[in-house]
């Protein structure tokens, strides 16, 4: 399930993932928020708090995630992924090599640092 995180700066989209993440979650929660952010400011600052295993994402959710990433490829500004899965943290750090913006992985205990990172002005 995906839930929108409130109480973040207006230039940041924050999503909390728990349990199973489906195509419906992507289409009703994440994609509209990303589209709205891009329309409003032309770039994406994205916080994902991942408190579920990446294997809990359905094929439809993964496909929507890939399409969103490619559609907005030049618009990624800052990405913070918060998870206690070491592989996810590593991939988030390495992802900066593939997108024009900055990407960083954080542990759940570092949520405040992740919010500061994704909220920072360049």
PDB file of N, CA and C in Angstrom:
ATOM      1  N   UNK A   1       0.845  -1.169   0.000  1.00  0.00           N
ATOM      2  CA  UNK A   1       0.000   0.000   0.000  1.00  0.00           C
ATOM      3  C   UNK A   1       0.897   1.241   0.000  1.00  0.00           C
ATOM      4  N   UNK A   2       0.507   2.234  -0.759  1.00  0.00           N
ATOM      5  CA  UNK A   2       1.208   3.516  -0.783  1.00  0.00           C
ATOM      6  C   UNK A   2       0.338   4.578  -0.122  1.00  0.00           C
ATOM      7  N   UNK A   3       0.977   5.385   0.708  1.00  0.00           N
ATOM      8  CA  UNK A   3       0.285   6.499   1.350  1.00  0.00           C
ATOM      9  C   UNK A   3       1.110   7.763   1.172  1.00  0.00           C
ATOM     10  N   UNK A   4       0.434   8.867   0.902  1.00  0.00           N
ATOM     11  CA  UNK A   4       1.079  10.157   0.772  1.00  0.00           C
ATOM     12  C   UNK A   4       1.533  10.631   2.148  1.00  0.00           C
ATOM     13  N   UNK A   5       2.767  11.122   2.253  1.00  0.00           N
ATOM     14  CA  UNK A   5       3.297  11.654   3.510  1.00  0.00           C
ATOM     15  C   UNK A   5       3.012  13.149   3.548  1.00  0.00           C
ATOM     16  N   UNK A   6       2.310  13.554   4.571  1.00  0.00           N
ATOM     17  CA  UNK A   6       1.984  14.973   4.744  1.00  0.00           C
ATOM     18  C   UNK A   6       3.099  15.639   5.544  1.00  0.00           C
ATOM     19  N   UNK A   7       2.997  16.928   5.730  1.00  0.00           N
ATOM     20  CA  UNK A   7       3.941  17.701   6.549  1.00  0.00           C
ATOM     21  C   UNK A   7       5.359  17.733   5.971  1.00  0.00           C
ATOM     22  N   UNK A   8       5.455  17.697   4.648  1.00  0.00           N
ATOM     23  CA  UNK A   8       6.734  17.891   3.973  1.00  0.00           C
ATOM     24  C   UNK A   8       6.672  19.228   3.240  1.00  0.00           C
ATOM     25  N   UNK A   9       7.817  19.798   2.899  1.00  0.00           N
ATOM     26  CA  UNK A   9       7.785  21.028   2.110  1.00  0.00           C
ATOM     27  C   UNK A   9       6.989  20.822   0.817  1.00  0.00           C
ATOM     28  N   UNK A  10       6.409  21.892   0.306  1.00  0.00           N
ATOM     29  CA  UNK A  10       5.542  21.814  -0.864  1.00  0.00           C
ATOM     30  C   UNK A  10       6.265  21.311  -2.114  1.00  0.00           C
ATOM     31  N   UNK A  11       7.592  21.448  -2.154  1.00  0.00           N
ATOM     32  CA  UNK A  11       8.345  21.023  -3.332  1.00  0.00           C
ATOM     33  C   UNK A  11       8.826  19.569  -3.247  1.00  0.00           C
ATOM     34  N   UNK A  12       8.292  18.814  -2.274  1.00  0.00           N
ATOM     35  CA  UNK A  12       8.680  17.415  -2.074  1.00  0.00           C
ATOM     36  C   UNK A  12       7.435  16.529  -2.093  1.00  0.00           C
ATOM     37  N   UNK A  13       7.502  15.426  -2.848  1.00  0.00           N
ATOM     38  CA  UNK A  13       6.483  14.382  -2.773  1.00  0.00           C
ATOM     39  C   UNK A  13       7.050  13.275  -1.911  1.00  0.00           C
ATOM     40  N   UNK A  14       6.318  12.928  -0.867  1.00  0.00           N
ATOM     41  CA  UNK A  14       6.732  11.854   0.026  1.00  0.00           C
ATOM     42  C   UNK A  14       5.724  10.719   0.006  1.00  0.00           C
ATOM     43  N   UNK A  15       6.207   9.493  -0.120  1.00  0.00           N
ATOM     44  CA  UNK A  15       5.363   8.308  -0.189  1.00  0.00           C
ATOM     45  C   UNK A  15       5.866   7.274   0.822  1.00  0.00           C
ATOM     46  N   UNK A  16       4.935   6.675   1.547  1.00  0.00           N
ATOM     47  CA  UNK A  16       5.243   5.627   2.518  1.00  0.00           C
ATOM     48  C   UNK A  16       4.689   4.313   1.966  1.00  0.00           C
ATOM     49  N   UNK A  17       5.547   3.323   1.770  1.00  0.00           N
ATOM     50  CA  UNK A  17       5.150   2.028   1.219  1.00  0.00           C
ATOM     51  C   UNK A  17       5.165   0.966   2.304  1.00  0.00           C
ATOM     52  N   UNK A  18       4.035   0.270   2.448  1.00  0.00           N
ATOM     53  CA  UNK A  18       3.925  -0.841   3.394  1.00  0.00           C
ATOM     54  C   UNK A  18       3.163  -1.974   2.714  1.00  0.00           C
ATOM     55  N   UNK A  19       3.383  -3.194   3.171  1.00  0.00           N
ATOM     56  CA  UNK A  19       2.638  -4.325   2.632  1.00  0.00           C
ATOM     57  C   UNK A  19       2.822  -4.491   1.136  1.00  0.00           C
ATOM     58  N   UNK A  20       1.764  -4.925   0.460  1.00  0.00           N
ATOM     59  CA  UNK A  20       1.815  -5.120  -0.990  1.00  0.00           C
ATOM     60  C   UNK A  20       1.570  -3.788  -1.699  1.00  0.00           C
ATOM     61  N   UNK A  21       2.381  -3.507  -2.704  1.00  0.00           N
ATOM     62  CA  UNK A  21       2.235  -2.300  -3.523  1.00  0.00           C
ATOM     63  C   UNK A  21       1.766  -2.745  -4.901  1.00  0.00           C
ATOM     64  N   UNK A  22       0.623  -2.193  -5.336  1.00  0.00           N
ATOM     65  CA  UNK A  22      -0.007  -2.626  -6.582  1.00  0.00           C
ATOM     66  C   UNK A  22      -0.018  -1.504  -7.621  1.00  0.00           C
ATOM     67  N   UNK A  23      -0.371  -1.882  -8.831  1.00  0.00           N
ATOM     68  CA  UNK A  23      -0.552  -0.919  -9.922  1.00  0.00           C
ATOM     69  C   UNK A  23      -1.590   0.129  -9.521  1.00  0.00           C
ATOM     70  N   UNK A  24      -2.653  -0.297  -8.856  1.00  0.00           N
ATOM     71  CA  UNK A  24      -3.695   0.629  -8.393  1.00  0.00           C
ATOM     72  C   UNK A  24      -3.115   1.656  -7.416  1.00  0.00           C
ATOM     73  N   UNK A  25      -2.228   1.219  -6.521  1.00  0.00           N
ATOM     74  CA  UNK A  25      -1.567   2.146  -5.594  1.00  0.00           C
ATOM     75  C   UNK A  25      -0.784   3.197  -6.374  1.00  0.00           C
ATOM     76  N   UNK A  26      -0.044   2.738  -7.369  1.00  0.00           N
ATOM     77  CA  UNK A  26       0.758   3.657  -8.183  1.00  0.00           C
ATOM     78  C   UNK A  26      -0.138   4.677  -8.879  1.00  0.00           C
ATOM     79  N   UNK A  27      -1.224   4.195  -9.479  1.00  0.00           N
ATOM     80  CA  UNK A  27      -2.083   5.059 -10.270  1.00  0.00           C
ATOM     81  C   UNK A  27      -2.936   5.999  -9.434  1.00  0.00           C
ATOM     82  N   UNK A  28      -3.253   5.616  -8.200  1.00  0.00           N
ATOM     83  CA  UNK A  28      -4.112   6.473  -7.385  1.00  0.00           C
ATOM     84  C   UNK A  28      -3.355   7.341  -6.393  1.00  0.00           C
ATOM     85  N   UNK A  29      -2.124   6.978  -6.046  1.00  0.00           N
ATOM     86  CA  UNK A  29      -1.380   7.728  -5.030  1.00  0.00           C
ATOM     87  C   UNK A  29      -0.149   8.424  -5.630  1.00  0.00           C
ATOM     88  N   UNK A  30       0.788   7.645  -6.151  1.00  0.00           N
ATOM     89  CA  UNK A  30       2.077   8.212  -6.549  1.00  0.00           C
ATOM     90  C   UNK A  30       2.040   9.011  -7.848  1.00  0.00           C
ATOM     91  N   UNK A  31       1.546   8.408  -8.905  1.00  0.00           N
ATOM     92  CA  UNK A  31       1.619   9.068 -10.219  1.00  0.00           C
ATOM     93  C   UNK A  31       0.923  10.426 -10.257  1.00  0.00           C
ATOM     94  N   UNK A  32      -0.278  10.585  -9.671  1.00  0.00           N
ATOM     95  CA  UNK A  32      -0.891  11.921  -9.686  1.00  0.00           C
ATOM     96  C   UNK A  32      -0.064  12.964  -8.936  1.00  0.00           C
ATOM     97  N   UNK A  33       0.556  12.570  -7.831  1.00  0.00           N
ATOM     98  CA  UNK A  33       1.377  13.513  -7.060  1.00  0.00           C
ATOM     99  C   UNK A  33       2.629  13.923  -7.837  1.00  0.00           C
ATOM    100  N   UNK A  34       3.246  12.973  -8.512  1.00  0.00           N
ATOM    101  CA  UNK A  34       4.436  13.289  -9.314  1.00  0.00           C
ATOM    102  C   UNK A  34       4.051  14.201 -10.476  1.00  0.00           C
ATOM    103  N   UNK A  35       2.964  13.875 -11.170  1.00  0.00           N
ATOM    104  CA  UNK A  35       2.514  14.709 -12.286  1.00  0.00           C
ATOM    105  C   UNK A  35       2.192  16.127 -11.826  1.00  0.00           C
ATOM    106  N   UNK A  36       1.544  16.236 -10.680  1.00  0.00           N
ATOM    107  CA  UNK A  36       1.200  17.551 -10.121  1.00  0.00           C
ATOM    108  C   UNK A  36       2.470  18.345  -9.784  1.00  0.00           C
ATOM    109  N   UNK A  37       3.441  17.694  -9.185  1.00  0.00           N
ATOM    110  CA  UNK A  37       4.701  18.350  -8.819  1.00  0.00           C
ATOM    111  C   UNK A  37       5.449  18.832 -10.055  1.00  0.00           C
ATOM    112  N   UNK A  38       5.530  17.997 -11.077  1.00  0.00           N
ATOM    113  CA  UNK A  38       6.216  18.377 -12.312  1.00  0.00           C
ATOM    114  C   UNK A  38       5.508  19.562 -12.962  1.00  0.00           C
ATOM    115  N   UNK A  39       4.181  19.535 -13.000  1.00  0.00           N
ATOM    116  CA  UNK A  39       3.432  20.638 -13.605  1.00  0.00           C
ATOM    117  C   UNK A  39       3.646  21.938 -12.841  1.00  0.00           C
ATOM    118  N   UNK A  40       3.773  21.840 -11.530  1.00  0.00           N
ATOM    119  CA  UNK A  40       3.910  23.028 -10.680  1.00  0.00           C
ATOM    120  C   UNK A  40       5.326  23.600 -10.701  1.00  0.00           C
ATOM    121  N   UNK A  41       6.356  22.738 -10.686  1.00  0.00           N
ATOM    122  CA  UNK A  41       7.710  23.273 -10.541  1.00  0.00           C
ATOM    123  C   UNK A  41       8.729  22.744 -11.534  1.00  0.00           C
ATOM    124  N   UNK A  42       8.354  21.779 -12.347  1.00  0.00           N
ATOM    125  CA  UNK A  42       9.248  21.328 -13.402  1.00  0.00           C
ATOM    126  C   UNK A  42      10.362  20.395 -12.967  1.00  0.00           C
ATOM    127  N   UNK A  43      10.407  20.022 -11.695  1.00  0.00           N
ATOM    128  CA  UNK A  43      11.413  19.081 -11.209  1.00  0.00           C
ATOM    129  C   UNK A  43      10.822  18.274 -10.069  1.00  0.00           C
ATOM    130  N   UNK A  44      11.487  17.166  -9.761  1.00  0.00           N
ATOM    131  CA  UNK A  44      10.961  16.233  -8.765  1.00  0.00           C
ATOM    132  C   UNK A  44      11.942  16.078  -7.609  1.00  0.00           C
ATOM    133  N   UNK A  45      11.441  16.324  -6.414  1.00  0.00           N
ATOM    134  CA  UNK A  45      12.115  15.976  -5.172  1.00  0.00           C
ATOM    135  C   UNK A  45      11.239  14.899  -4.540  1.00  0.00           C
ATOM    136  N   UNK A  46      11.788  13.688  -4.390  1.00  0.00           N
ATOM    137  CA  UNK A  46      10.984  12.514  -4.061  1.00  0.00           C
ATOM    138  C   UNK A  46      11.559  11.784  -2.856  1.00  0.00           C
ATOM    139  N   UNK A  47      10.705  11.570  -1.859  1.00  0.00           N
ATOM    140  CA  UNK A  47      11.053  10.801  -0.665  1.00  0.00           C
ATOM    141  C   UNK A  47      10.220   9.529  -0.667  1.00  0.00           C
ATOM    142  N   UNK A  48      10.883   8.378  -0.614  1.00  0.00           N
ATOM    143  CA  UNK A  48      10.194   7.098  -0.499  1.00  0.00           C
ATOM    144  C   UNK A  48      10.628   6.440   0.800  1.00  0.00           C
ATOM    145  N   UNK A  49       9.670   6.210   1.686  1.00  0.00           N
ATOM    146  CA  UNK A  49       9.923   5.457   2.908  1.00  0.00           C
ATOM    147  C   UNK A  49       9.416   4.049   2.646  1.00  0.00           C
ATOM    148  N   UNK A  50      10.344   3.134   2.498  1.00  0.00           N
ATOM    149  CA  UNK A  50      10.045   1.764   2.080  1.00  0.00           C
ATOM    150  C   UNK A  50      10.093   0.841   3.299  1.00  0.00           C
ATOM    151  N   UNK A  51       8.909   0.566   3.850  1.00  0.00           N
ATOM    152  CA  UNK A  51       8.819  -0.343   4.997  1.00  0.00           C
ATOM    153  C   UNK A  51       8.128  -1.637   4.575  1.00  0.00           C
ATOM    154  N   UNK A  52       8.502  -2.092   3.400  1.00  0.00           N
ATOM    155  CA  UNK A  52       8.058  -3.381   2.878  1.00  0.00           C
ATOM    156  C   UNK A  52       9.176  -3.904   1.990  1.00  0.00           C
ATOM    157  N   UNK A  53       9.212  -5.180   1.792  1.00  0.00           N
ATOM    158  CA  UNK A  53      10.227  -5.768   0.928  1.00  0.00           C
ATOM    159  C   UNK A  53       9.931  -5.412  -0.524  1.00  0.00           C
ATOM    160  N   UNK A  54      10.951  -5.156  -1.300  1.00  0.00           N
ATOM    161  CA  UNK A  54      10.748  -4.813  -2.706  1.00  0.00           C
ATOM    162  C   UNK A  54      10.041  -5.936  -3.459  1.00  0.00           C
ATOM    163  N   UNK A  55      10.092  -7.146  -2.954  1.00  0.00           N
ATOM    164  CA  UNK A  55       9.394  -8.272  -3.582  1.00  0.00           C
ATOM    165  C   UNK A  55       7.877  -8.166  -3.415  1.00  0.00           C
ATOM    166  N   UNK A  56       7.421  -7.255  -2.555  1.00  0.00           N
ATOM    167  CA  UNK A  56       5.989  -7.049  -2.352  1.00  0.00           C
ATOM    168  C   UNK A  56       5.386  -6.078  -3.357  1.00  0.00           C
ATOM    169  N   UNK A  57       6.177  -5.625  -4.331  1.00  0.00           N
ATOM    170  CA  UNK A  57       5.660  -4.774  -5.404  1.00  0.00           C
ATOM    171  C   UNK A  57       5.198  -5.695  -6.526  1.00  0.00           C
ATOM    172  N   UNK A  58       3.979  -5.538  -6.977  1.00  0.00           N
ATOM    173  CA  UNK A  58       3.474  -6.370  -8.069  1.00  0.00           C
ATOM    174  C   UNK A  58       4.151  -5.961  -9.375  1.00  0.00           C
ATOM    175  N   UNK A  59       4.049  -6.832 -10.377  1.00  0.00           N
ATOM    176  CA  UNK A  59       4.642  -6.535 -11.685  1.00  0.00           C
ATOM    177  C   UNK A  59       4.063  -5.242 -12.258  1.00  0.00           C
ATOM    178  N   UNK A  60       2.762  -5.026 -12.082  1.00  0.00           N
ATOM    179  CA  UNK A  60       2.130  -3.797 -12.575  1.00  0.00           C
ATOM    180  C   UNK A  60       2.670  -2.560 -11.887  1.00  0.00           C
ATOM    181  N   UNK A  61       2.946  -2.659 -10.585  1.00  0.00           N
ATOM    182  CA  UNK A  61       3.513  -1.528  -9.845  1.00  0.00           C
ATOM    183  C   UNK A  61       4.924  -1.226 -10.338  1.00  0.00           C
ATOM    184  N   UNK A  62       5.733  -2.284 -10.542  1.00  0.00           N
ATOM    185  CA  UNK A  62       7.093  -2.080 -11.053  1.00  0.00           C
ATOM    186  C   UNK A  62       7.060  -1.429 -12.430  1.00  0.00           C
ATOM    187  N   UNK A  63       6.164  -1.897 -13.290  1.00  0.00           N
ATOM    188  CA  UNK A  63       6.081  -1.355 -14.643  1.00  0.00           C
ATOM    189  C   UNK A  63       5.699   0.128 -14.599  1.00  0.00           C
ATOM    190  N   UNK A  64       4.729   0.499 -13.768  1.00  0.00           N
ATOM    191  CA  UNK A  64       4.351   1.910 -13.636  1.00  0.00           C
ATOM    192  C   UNK A  64       5.514   2.738 -13.086  1.00  0.00           C
ATOM    193  N   UNK A  65       6.280   2.158 -12.174  1.00  0.00           N
ATOM    194  CA  UNK A  65       7.434   2.858 -11.610  1.00  0.00           C
ATOM    195  C   UNK A  65       8.480   3.123 -12.692  1.00  0.00           C
ATOM    196  N   UNK A  66       8.758   2.131 -13.514  1.00  0.00           N
ATOM    197  CA  UNK A  66       9.728   2.287 -14.602  1.00  0.00           C
ATOM    198  C   UNK A  66       9.244   3.347 -15.594  1.00  0.00           C
ATOM    199  N   UNK A  67       7.973   3.273 -15.986  1.00  0.00           N
ATOM    200  CA  UNK A  67       7.420   4.252 -16.928  1.00  0.00           C
ATOM    201  C   UNK A  67       7.494   5.666 -16.366  1.00  0.00           C
ATOM    202  N   UNK A  68       7.179   5.821 -15.056  1.00  0.00           N
ATOM    203  CA  UNK A  68       7.258   7.131 -14.413  1.00  0.00           C
ATOM    204  C   UNK A  68       8.691   7.658 -14.458  1.00  0.00           C
ATOM    205  N   UNK A  69       9.646   6.796 -14.159  1.00  0.00           N
ATOM    206  CA  UNK A  69      11.048   7.199 -14.161  1.00  0.00           C
ATOM    207  C   UNK A  69      11.520   7.655 -15.524  1.00  0.00           C
ATOM    208  N   UNK A  70      11.148   6.919 -16.549  1.00  0.00           N
ATOM    209  CA  UNK A  70      11.562   7.276 -17.907  1.00  0.00           C
ATOM    210  C   UNK A  70      10.847   8.521 -18.411  1.00  0.00           C
ATOM    211  N   UNK A  71       9.562   8.619 -18.139  1.00  0.00           N
ATOM    212  CA  UNK A  71       8.780   9.781 -18.568  1.00  0.00           C
ATOM    213  C   UNK A  71       9.359  11.078 -17.995  1.00  0.00           C
ATOM    214  N   UNK A  72       9.837  11.009 -16.781  1.00  0.00           N
ATOM    215  CA  UNK A  72      10.333  12.200 -16.073  1.00  0.00           C
ATOM    216  C   UNK A  72      11.848  12.217 -15.944  1.00  0.00           C
ATOM    217  N   UNK A  73      12.538  11.485 -16.811  1.00  0.00           N
ATOM    218  CA  UNK A  73      13.975  11.269 -16.656  1.00  0.00           C
ATOM    219  C   UNK A  73      14.759  12.550 -16.381  1.00  0.00           C
ATOM    220  N   UNK A  74      14.514  13.608 -17.118  1.00  0.00           N
ATOM    221  CA  UNK A  74      15.294  14.842 -16.967  1.00  0.00           C
ATOM    222  C   UNK A  74      14.810  15.720 -15.816  1.00  0.00           C
ATOM    223  N   UNK A  75      13.741  15.321 -15.144  1.00  0.00           N
ATOM    224  CA  UNK A  75      13.144  16.160 -14.110  1.00  0.00           C
ATOM    225  C   UNK A  75      13.535  15.763 -12.685  1.00  0.00           C
ATOM    226  N   UNK A  76      14.227  14.647 -12.522  1.00  0.00           N
ATOM    227  CA  UNK A  76      14.611  14.201 -11.177  1.00  0.00           C
ATOM    228  C   UNK A  76      15.641  15.165 -10.598  1.00  0.00           C
ATOM    229  N   UNK A  77      15.346  15.732  -9.438  1.00  0.00           N
ATOM    230  CA  UNK A  77      16.253  16.652  -8.774  1.00  0.00           C
ATOM    231  C   UNK A  77      16.909  15.990  -7.559  1.00  0.00           C
ATOM    232  N   UNK A  78      16.084  15.542  -6.632  1.00  0.00           N
ATOM    233  CA  UNK A  78      16.592  14.862  -5.431  1.00  0.00           C
ATOM    234  C   UNK A  78      15.695  13.681  -5.102  1.00  0.00           C
ATOM    235  N   UNK A  79      16.318  12.541  -4.838  1.00  0.00           N
ATOM    236  CA  UNK A  79      15.603  11.320  -4.478  1.00  0.00           C
ATOM    237  C   UNK A  79      16.210  10.794  -3.183  1.00  0.00           C
ATOM    238  N   UNK A  80      15.366  10.574  -2.190  1.00  0.00           N
ATOM    239  CA  UNK A  80      15.794   9.956  -0.933  1.00  0.00           C
ATOM    240  C   UNK A  80      14.949   8.711  -0.713  1.00  0.00           C
ATOM    241  N   UNK A  81      15.603   7.570  -0.569  1.00  0.00           N
ATOM    242  CA  UNK A  81      14.907   6.317  -0.302  1.00  0.00           C
ATOM    243  C   UNK A  81      15.313   5.851   1.088  1.00  0.00           C
ATOM    244  N   UNK A  82      14.307   5.661   1.932  1.00  0.00           N
ATOM    245  CA  UNK A  82      14.533   5.294   3.328  1.00  0.00           C
ATOM    246  C   UNK A  82      14.087   3.851   3.519  1.00  0.00           C
ATOM    247  N   UNK A  83      15.026   2.998   3.930  1.00  0.00           N
ATOM    248  CA  UNK A  83      14.743   1.573   4.093  1.00  0.00           C
ATOM    249  C   UNK A  83      15.832   0.946   4.947  1.00  0.00           C
ATOM    250  N   UNK A  84      15.470  -0.086   5.672  1.00  0.00           N
ATOM    251  CA  UNK A  84      16.483  -0.830   6.408  1.00  0.00           C
ATOM    252  C   UNK A  84      17.036  -1.997   5.594  1.00  0.00           C
ATOM    253  N   UNK A  85      16.634  -2.098   4.326  1.00  0.00           N
ATOM    254  CA  UNK A  85      17.172  -3.109   3.426  1.00  0.00           C
ATOM    255  C   UNK A  85      18.468  -2.553   2.816  1.00  0.00           C
ATOM    256  N   UNK A  86      19.579  -3.144   3.151  1.00  0.00           N
ATOM    257  CA  UNK A  86      20.886  -2.642   2.707  1.00  0.00           C
ATOM    258  C   UNK A  86      20.993  -2.574   1.188  1.00  0.00           C
ATOM    259  N   UNK A  87      20.432  -3.551   0.485  1.00  0.00           N
ATOM    260  CA  UNK A  87      20.467  -3.543  -0.973  1.00  0.00           C
ATOM    261  C   UNK A  87      19.733  -2.342  -1.550  1.00  0.00           C
ATOM    262  N   UNK A  88      18.631  -1.969  -0.931  1.00  0.00           N
ATOM    263  CA  UNK A  88      17.861  -0.799  -1.383  1.00  0.00           C
ATOM    264  C   UNK A  88      18.668   0.468  -1.146  1.00  0.00           C
ATOM    265  N   UNK A  89      19.311   0.573   0.009  1.00  0.00           N
ATOM    266  CA  UNK A  89      20.140   1.748   0.298  1.00  0.00           C
ATOM    267  C   UNK A  89      21.287   1.841  -0.711  1.00  0.00           C
ATOM    268  N   UNK A  90      21.941   0.727  -0.980  1.00  0.00           N
ATOM    269  CA  UNK A  90      23.054   0.718  -1.926  1.00  0.00           C
ATOM    270  C   UNK A  90      22.581   1.133  -3.319  1.00  0.00           C
ATOM    271  N   UNK A  91      21.460   0.534  -3.780  1.00  0.00           N
ATOM    272  CA  UNK A  91      20.938   0.867  -5.105  1.00  0.00           C
ATOM    273  C   UNK A  91      20.572   2.342  -5.182  1.00  0.00           C
ATOM    274  N   UNK A  92      19.994   2.897  -4.127  1.00  0.00           N
ATOM    275  CA  UNK A  92      19.616   4.310  -4.113  1.00  0.00           C
ATOM    276  C   UNK A  92      20.847   5.205  -4.240  1.00  0.00           C
ATOM    277  N   UNK A  93      21.932   4.830  -3.586  1.00  0.00           N
ATOM    278  CA  UNK A  93      23.178   5.588  -3.720  1.00  0.00           C
ATOM    279  C   UNK A  93      23.730   5.467  -5.138  1.00  0.00           C
ATOM    280  N   UNK A  94      23.693   4.276  -5.703  1.00  0.00           N
ATOM    281  CA  UNK A  94      24.226   4.049  -7.052  1.00  0.00           C
ATOM    282  C   UNK A  94      23.344   4.673  -8.129  1.00  0.00           C
ATOM    283  N   UNK A  95      22.064   4.837  -7.847  1.00  0.00           N
ATOM    284  CA  UNK A  95      21.122   5.364  -8.824  1.00  0.00           C
ATOM    285  C   UNK A  95      21.520   6.762  -9.300  1.00  0.00           C
ATOM    286  N   UNK A  96      22.256   7.481  -8.467  1.00  0.00           N
ATOM    287  CA  UNK A  96      22.695   8.835  -8.841  1.00  0.00           C
ATOM    288  C   UNK A  96      23.571   8.826 -10.093  1.00  0.00           C
ATOM    289  N   UNK A  97      24.144   7.684 -10.409  1.00  0.00           N
ATOM    290  CA  UNK A  97      24.959   7.568 -11.610  1.00  0.00           C
ATOM    291  C   UNK A  97      24.111   7.486 -12.875  1.00  0.00           C
ATOM    292  N   UNK A  98      22.812   7.218 -12.714  1.00  0.00           N
ATOM    293  CA  UNK A  98      21.937   6.990 -13.863  1.00  0.00           C
ATOM    294  C   UNK A  98      20.903   8.081 -14.091  1.00  0.00           C
ATOM    295  N   UNK A  99      20.732   8.984 -13.144  1.00  0.00           N
ATOM    296  CA  UNK A  99      19.766  10.079 -13.297  1.00  0.00           C
ATOM    297  C   UNK A  99      20.500  11.412 -13.152  1.00  0.00           C
ATOM    298  N   UNK A 100      19.945  12.455 -13.736  1.00  0.00           N
ATOM    299  CA  UNK A 100      20.627  13.749 -13.663  1.00  0.00           C
ATOM    300  C   UNK A 100      20.639  14.372 -12.267  1.00  0.00           C
ATOM    301  N   UNK A 101      19.733  13.982 -11.391  1.00  0.00           N
ATOM    302  CA  UNK A 101      19.670  14.569 -10.055  1.00  0.00           C
ATOM    303  C   UNK A 101      20.530  13.831  -9.048  1.00  0.00           C
ATOM    304  N   UNK A 102      20.261  14.100  -7.780  1.00  0.00           N
ATOM    305  CA  UNK A 102      20.981  13.462  -6.679  1.00  0.00           C
ATOM    306  C   UNK A 102      20.092  12.398  -6.058  1.00  0.00           C
ATOM    307  N   UNK A 103      20.681  11.270  -5.711  1.00  0.00           N
ATOM    308  CA  UNK A 103      19.948  10.160  -5.110  1.00  0.00           C
ATOM    309  C   UNK A 103      20.765   9.612  -3.950  1.00  0.00           C
ATOM    310  N   UNK A 104      20.062   9.292  -2.848  1.00  0.00           N
ATOM    311  CA  UNK A 104      20.776   8.788  -1.676  1.00  0.00           C
ATOM    312  C   UNK A 104      19.858   7.860  -0.887  1.00  0.00           C
ATOM    313  N   UNK A 105      20.440   6.783  -0.368  1.00  0.00           N
ATOM    314  CA  UNK A 105      19.722   5.850   0.485  1.00  0.00           C
ATOM    315  C   UNK A 105      19.967   6.153   1.950  1.00  0.00           C
ATOM    316  N   UNK A 106      18.959   5.920   2.760  1.00  0.00           N
ATOM    317  CA  UNK A 106      19.023   6.174   4.200  1.00  0.00           C
ATOM    318  C   UNK A 106      18.380   5.018   4.944  1.00  0.00           C
ATOM    319  N   UNK A 107      18.826   4.780   6.173  1.00  0.00           N
ATOM    320  CA  UNK A 107      18.174   3.813   7.058  1.00  0.00           C
ATOM    321  C   UNK A 107      16.925   4.467   7.654  1.00  0.00           C
ATOM    322  N   UNK A 108      15.994   3.646   8.123  1.00  0.00           N
ATOM    323  CA  UNK A 108      14.767   4.163   8.739  1.00  0.00           C
ATOM    324  C   UNK A 108      15.104   5.127   9.882  1.00  0.00           C
ATOM    325  N   UNK A 109      16.117   4.824  10.661  1.00  0.00           N
ATOM    326  CA  UNK A 109      16.512   5.689  11.780  1.00  0.00           C
ATOM    327  C   UNK A 109      17.024   7.048  11.294  1.00  0.00           C
ATOM    328  N   UNK A 110      17.326   7.172  10.013  1.00  0.00           N
ATOM    329  CA  UNK A 110      17.846   8.425   9.442  1.00  0.00           C
ATOM    330  C   UNK A 110      16.770   9.213   8.676  1.00  0.00           C
ATOM    331  N   UNK A 111      15.512   8.986   9.004  1.00  0.00           N
ATOM    332  CA  UNK A 111      14.422   9.631   8.284  1.00  0.00           C
ATOM    333  C   UNK A 111      14.560  11.156   8.278  1.00  0.00           C
ATOM    334  N   UNK A 112      14.901  11.753   9.404  1.00  0.00           N
ATOM    335  CA  UNK A 112      15.039  13.212   9.454  1.00  0.00           C
ATOM    336  C   UNK A 112      16.149  13.705   8.524  1.00  0.00           C
ATOM    337  N   UNK A 113      17.241  12.960   8.438  1.00  0.00           N
ATOM    338  CA  UNK A 113      18.317  13.326   7.522  1.00  0.00           C
ATOM    339  C   UNK A 113      17.866  13.204   6.067  1.00  0.00           C
ATOM    340  N   UNK A 114      17.053  12.177   5.779  1.00  0.00           N
ATOM    341  CA  UNK A 114      16.523  11.988   4.423  1.00  0.00           C
ATOM    342  C   UNK A 114      15.614  13.143   4.042  1.00  0.00           C
ATOM    343  N   UNK A 115      14.782  13.573   4.966  1.00  0.00           N
ATOM    344  CA  UNK A 115      13.884  14.704   4.705  1.00  0.00           C
ATOM    345  C   UNK A 115      14.712  15.964   4.451  1.00  0.00           C
ATOM    346  N   UNK A 116      15.742  16.191   5.233  1.00  0.00           N
ATOM    347  CA  UNK A 116      16.606  17.352   5.031  1.00  0.00           C
ATOM    348  C   UNK A 116      17.291  17.288   3.672  1.00  0.00           C
ATOM    349  N   UNK A 117      17.775  16.117   3.281  1.00  0.00           N
ATOM    350  CA  UNK A 117      18.447  15.945   2.001  1.00  0.00           C
ATOM    351  C   UNK A 117      17.503  16.239   0.838  1.00  0.00           C
ATOM    352  N   UNK A 118      16.347  15.633   0.848  1.00  0.00           N
ATOM    353  CA  UNK A 118      15.425  15.777  -0.284  1.00  0.00           C
ATOM    354  C   UNK A 118      14.789  17.175  -0.333  1.00  0.00           C
ATOM    355  N   UNK A 119      14.773  17.865   0.776  1.00  0.00           N
ATOM    356  CA  UNK A 119      14.170  19.197   0.859  1.00  0.00           C
ATOM    357  C   UNK A 119      15.151  20.322   0.543  1.00  0.00           C
ATOM    358  N   UNK A 120      16.445  20.021   0.560  1.00  0.00           N
ATOM    359  CA  UNK A 120      17.482  21.052   0.398  1.00  0.00           C
ATOM    360  C   UNK A 120      17.405  21.727  -0.965  1.00  0.00           C
ATOM    361  N   UNK A 121      17.719  22.995  -0.962  1.00  0.00           N
ATOM    362  CA  UNK A 121      17.824  23.744  -2.225  1.00  0.00           C
ATOM    363  C   UNK A 121      19.212  23.530  -2.790  1.00  0.00           C
ATOM    364  N   UNK A 122      19.285  23.436  -4.099  1.00  0.00           N
ATOM    365  CA  UNK A 122      20.595  23.241  -4.735  1.00  0.00           C
ATOM    366  C   UNK A 122      21.338  24.545  -4.846  1.00  0.00           C
TER     367      UNK A 122
END
